[in-house]
Amino acid sequence: MSDLALEFGGDLLVGPTGDLLLADGSTLTEQRVLRRLLTNPGDYIWQITYGAGLGQFVGLPGVGASVAGVSRAQMLLESGVSVSPAPVVNALVQEDGTVTLSIKYADASSGGTSTLTFSL
């Protein structure tokens, strides 16, 4: 199954021929994981419980374990993320309040391991 390629917070991507670029496989899974983790619950009106809302943790003290736990639980709701082995999420909180997430998970479609790292 394919979907439109989209960077979270950005615009649709254009392919080399000028058509809209499609995402599938592990790229699609990564795209969906980022969307789920960065979407606030209640923002997606057709499914109000969708999303981890990780942005709400920015600047709060001692949130590393909370961010990791919420991220892990939300990732298990994505069909493209394999339940076994469970995703491994590490959250590092910087002095300025920035949270850097490093997530290692098994892609359900390919069986390969993927790593996703981003900062909030």
C-alpha atoms as a PDB file:
ATOM      1  CA  MET A   1       0.000   0.000   0.000  1.00  0.00           C
ATOM      2  CA  SER A   2       1.255   3.479  -0.831  1.00  0.00           C
ATOM      3  CA  ASP A   3       0.416   6.932   0.442  1.00  0.00           C
ATOM      4  CA  LEU A   4       1.486  10.430  -0.475  1.00  0.00           C
ATOM      5  CA  ALA A   5       4.986  11.318   0.719  1.00  0.00           C
ATOM      6  CA  LEU A   6       4.826  14.060   3.301  1.00  0.00           C
ATOM      7  CA  GLU A   7       7.322  15.396   5.797  1.00  0.00           C
ATOM      8  CA  PHE A   8       5.548  16.176   9.079  1.00  0.00           C
ATOM      9  CA  GLY A   9       5.020  19.913   9.342  1.00  0.00           C
ATOM     10  CA  GLY A  10       5.981  20.313   5.700  1.00  0.00           C
ATOM     11  CA  ASP A  11       4.322  19.962   2.350  1.00  0.00           C
ATOM     12  CA  LEU A  12       3.678  17.133  -0.075  1.00  0.00           C
ATOM     13  CA  LEU A  13       6.837  16.001  -1.838  1.00  0.00           C
ATOM     14  CA  VAL A  14       7.307  16.099  -5.599  1.00  0.00           C
ATOM     15  CA  GLY A  15       8.981  13.240  -7.458  1.00  0.00           C
ATOM     16  CA  PRO A  16      11.619  13.472 -10.190  1.00  0.00           C
ATOM     17  CA  THR A  17       8.973  13.581 -12.945  1.00  0.00           C
ATOM     18  CA  GLY A  18       7.020  16.416 -11.311  1.00  0.00           C
ATOM     19  CA  ASP A  19       4.250  14.162  -9.998  1.00  0.00           C
ATOM     20  CA  LEU A  20       3.425  13.835  -6.315  1.00  0.00           C
ATOM     21  CA  LEU A  21       5.876  11.449  -4.695  1.00  0.00           C
ATOM     22  CA  LEU A  22       4.503   8.283  -3.079  1.00  0.00           C
ATOM     23  CA  ALA A  23       5.770   6.638   0.090  1.00  0.00           C
ATOM     24  CA  ASP A  24       5.553   2.938   0.812  1.00  0.00           C
ATOM     25  CA  GLY A  25       7.253   0.251   2.891  1.00  0.00           C
ATOM     26  CA  SER A  26       9.567   1.442   5.635  1.00  0.00           C
ATOM     27  CA  THR A  27       9.375   5.069   4.453  1.00  0.00           C
ATOM     28  CA  LEU A  28       5.597   5.021   4.882  1.00  0.00           C
ATOM     29  CA  THR A  29       5.909   3.431   8.336  1.00  0.00           C
ATOM     30  CA  GLU A  30       8.395   6.108   9.442  1.00  0.00           C
ATOM     31  CA  GLN A  31       6.106   8.822   8.101  1.00  0.00           C
ATOM     32  CA  ARG A  32       3.133   7.402  10.013  1.00  0.00           C
ATOM     33  CA  VAL A  33       5.119   6.968  13.245  1.00  0.00           C
ATOM     34  CA  LEU A  34       6.238  10.609  13.161  1.00  0.00           C
ATOM     35  CA  ARG A  35       2.695  11.791  12.449  1.00  0.00           C
ATOM     36  CA  ARG A  36       1.303   9.755  15.361  1.00  0.00           C
ATOM     37  CA  LEU A  37       3.961  10.895  17.830  1.00  0.00           C
ATOM     38  CA  LEU A  38       3.752  14.586  16.938  1.00  0.00           C
ATOM     39  CA  THR A  39      -0.045  14.881  16.576  1.00  0.00           C
ATOM     40  CA  ASN A  40      -1.890  16.151  19.649  1.00  0.00           C
ATOM     41  CA  PRO A  41      -4.780  14.010  20.896  1.00  0.00           C
ATOM     42  CA  GLY A  42      -8.013  15.666  19.796  1.00  0.00           C
ATOM     43  CA  ASP A  43      -6.479  17.396  16.747  1.00  0.00           C
ATOM     44  CA  TYR A  44      -7.553  14.619  14.367  1.00  0.00           C
ATOM     45  CA  ILE A  45     -11.313  15.100  14.518  1.00  0.00           C
ATOM     46  CA  TRP A  46     -12.212  11.722  13.024  1.00  0.00           C
ATOM     47  CA  GLN A  47     -10.294   9.849  15.718  1.00  0.00           C
ATOM     48  CA  ILE A  48      -9.916  12.077  18.770  1.00  0.00           C
ATOM     49  CA  THR A  49      -7.720   9.633  20.732  1.00  0.00           C
ATOM     50  CA  TYR A  50      -5.137   9.484  17.904  1.00  0.00           C
ATOM     51  CA  GLY A  51      -1.713  10.915  18.665  1.00  0.00           C
ATOM     52  CA  ALA A  52       0.888  11.129  21.395  1.00  0.00           C
ATOM     53  CA  GLY A  53       1.181  14.916  21.536  1.00  0.00           C
ATOM     54  CA  LEU A  54       4.879  14.847  22.378  1.00  0.00           C
ATOM     55  CA  GLY A  55       5.085  18.610  21.982  1.00  0.00           C
ATOM     56  CA  GLN A  56       3.316  19.019  25.330  1.00  0.00           C
ATOM     57  CA  PHE A  57       6.433  17.733  27.111  1.00  0.00           C
ATOM     58  CA  VAL A  58       8.817  20.374  25.744  1.00  0.00           C
ATOM     59  CA  GLY A  59      10.360  22.486  28.493  1.00  0.00           C
ATOM     60  CA  LEU A  60       8.972  20.418  31.365  1.00  0.00           C
ATOM     61  CA  PRO A  61      11.514  19.092  33.883  1.00  0.00           C
ATOM     62  CA  GLY A  62      12.111  15.350  34.236  1.00  0.00           C
ATOM     63  CA  VAL A  63      10.038  14.195  31.280  1.00  0.00           C
ATOM     64  CA  GLY A  64      12.424  11.666  29.728  1.00  0.00           C
ATOM     65  CA  ALA A  65      10.674   8.576  31.084  1.00  0.00           C
ATOM     66  CA  SER A  66       7.208   9.969  30.287  1.00  0.00           C
ATOM     67  CA  VAL A  67       8.128  10.794  26.698  1.00  0.00           C
ATOM     68  CA  ALA A  68       9.680   7.357  26.197  1.00  0.00           C
ATOM     69  CA  GLY A  69       6.666   5.559  27.685  1.00  0.00           C
ATOM     70  CA  VAL A  70       4.072   7.501  25.690  1.00  0.00           C
ATOM     71  CA  SER A  71       6.105   7.047  22.504  1.00  0.00           C
ATOM     72  CA  ARG A  72       6.461   3.296  22.989  1.00  0.00           C
ATOM     73  CA  ALA A  73       2.742   2.840  23.704  1.00  0.00           C
ATOM     74  CA  GLN A  74       1.695   4.912  20.695  1.00  0.00           C
ATOM     75  CA  MET A  75       4.106   3.138  18.344  1.00  0.00           C
ATOM     76  CA  LEU A  76       2.529  -0.207  19.183  1.00  0.00           C
ATOM     77  CA  LEU A  77      -0.752   1.172  17.792  1.00  0.00           C
ATOM     78  CA  GLU A  78       0.810   1.578  14.321  1.00  0.00           C
ATOM     79  CA  SER A  79       0.231  -1.410  12.058  1.00  0.00           C
ATOM     80  CA  GLY A  80       3.621  -0.922  10.379  1.00  0.00           C
ATOM     81  CA  VAL A  81       5.513  -1.380  13.659  1.00  0.00           C
ATOM     82  CA  SER A  82       6.129  -4.950  14.765  1.00  0.00           C
ATOM     83  CA  VAL A  83       5.027  -5.804  18.316  1.00  0.00           C
ATOM     84  CA  SER A  84       7.864  -8.293  18.724  1.00  0.00           C
ATOM     85  CA  PRO A  85      10.523  -7.221  19.296  1.00  0.00           C
ATOM     86  CA  ALA A  86       9.009  -4.229  21.046  1.00  0.00           C
ATOM     87  CA  PRO A  87      10.241  -0.774  20.058  1.00  0.00           C
ATOM     88  CA  VAL A  88      13.143   0.573  22.112  1.00  0.00           C
ATOM     89  CA  VAL A  89      12.772   4.268  22.906  1.00  0.00           C
ATOM     90  CA  ASN A  90      15.467   6.409  24.514  1.00  0.00           C
ATOM     91  CA  ALA A  91      14.700   9.995  25.488  1.00  0.00           C
ATOM     92  CA  LEU A  92      17.521  12.363  26.359  1.00  0.00           C
ATOM     93  CA  VAL A  93      16.563  15.689  27.931  1.00  0.00           C
ATOM     94  CA  GLN A  94      19.035  18.519  27.264  1.00  0.00           C
ATOM     95  CA  GLU A  95      19.686  21.381  29.703  1.00  0.00           C
ATOM     96  CA  ASP A  96      17.658  23.752  27.502  1.00  0.00           C
ATOM     97  CA  GLY A  97      14.585  21.479  27.725  1.00  0.00           C
ATOM     98  CA  THR A  98      15.020  19.942  24.268  1.00  0.00           C
ATOM     99  CA  VAL A  99      14.112  16.264  24.209  1.00  0.00           C
ATOM    100  CA  THR A 100      15.943  14.050  21.724  1.00  0.00           C
ATOM    101  CA  LEU A 101      14.260  10.744  20.950  1.00  0.00           C
ATOM    102  CA  SER A 102      16.055   7.749  19.514  1.00  0.00           C
ATOM    103  CA  ILE A 103      13.647   4.984  18.524  1.00  0.00           C
ATOM    104  CA  LYS A 104      14.603   1.531  17.255  1.00  0.00           C
ATOM    105  CA  TYR A 105      11.783  -0.654  15.962  1.00  0.00           C
ATOM    106  CA  ALA A 106      11.115  -3.610  13.690  1.00  0.00           C
ATOM    107  CA  ASP A 107       9.210  -2.782  10.504  1.00  0.00           C
ATOM    108  CA  ALA A 108       6.240  -5.160  10.236  1.00  0.00           C
ATOM    109  CA  SER A 109       6.228  -5.216   6.423  1.00  0.00           C
ATOM    110  CA  SER A 110       9.934  -5.794   5.759  1.00  0.00           C
ATOM    111  CA  GLY A 111      11.004  -7.339   9.069  1.00  0.00           C
ATOM    112  CA  GLY A 112      14.022  -5.040   9.037  1.00  0.00           C
ATOM    113  CA  THR A 113      15.113  -2.832  11.884  1.00  0.00           C
ATOM    114  CA  SER A 114      14.627   0.915  11.552  1.00  0.00           C
ATOM    115  CA  THR A 115      16.013   3.729  13.650  1.00  0.00           C
ATOM    116  CA  LEU A 116      14.339   7.109  13.948  1.00  0.00           C
ATOM    117  CA  THR A 117      15.980  10.040  15.740  1.00  0.00           C
ATOM    118  CA  PHE A 118      14.467  13.494  16.172  1.00  0.00           C
ATOM    119  CA  SER A 119      14.294  16.360  18.654  1.00  0.00           C
ATOM    120  CA  LEU A 120      11.322  18.135  20.208  1.00  0.00           C
END
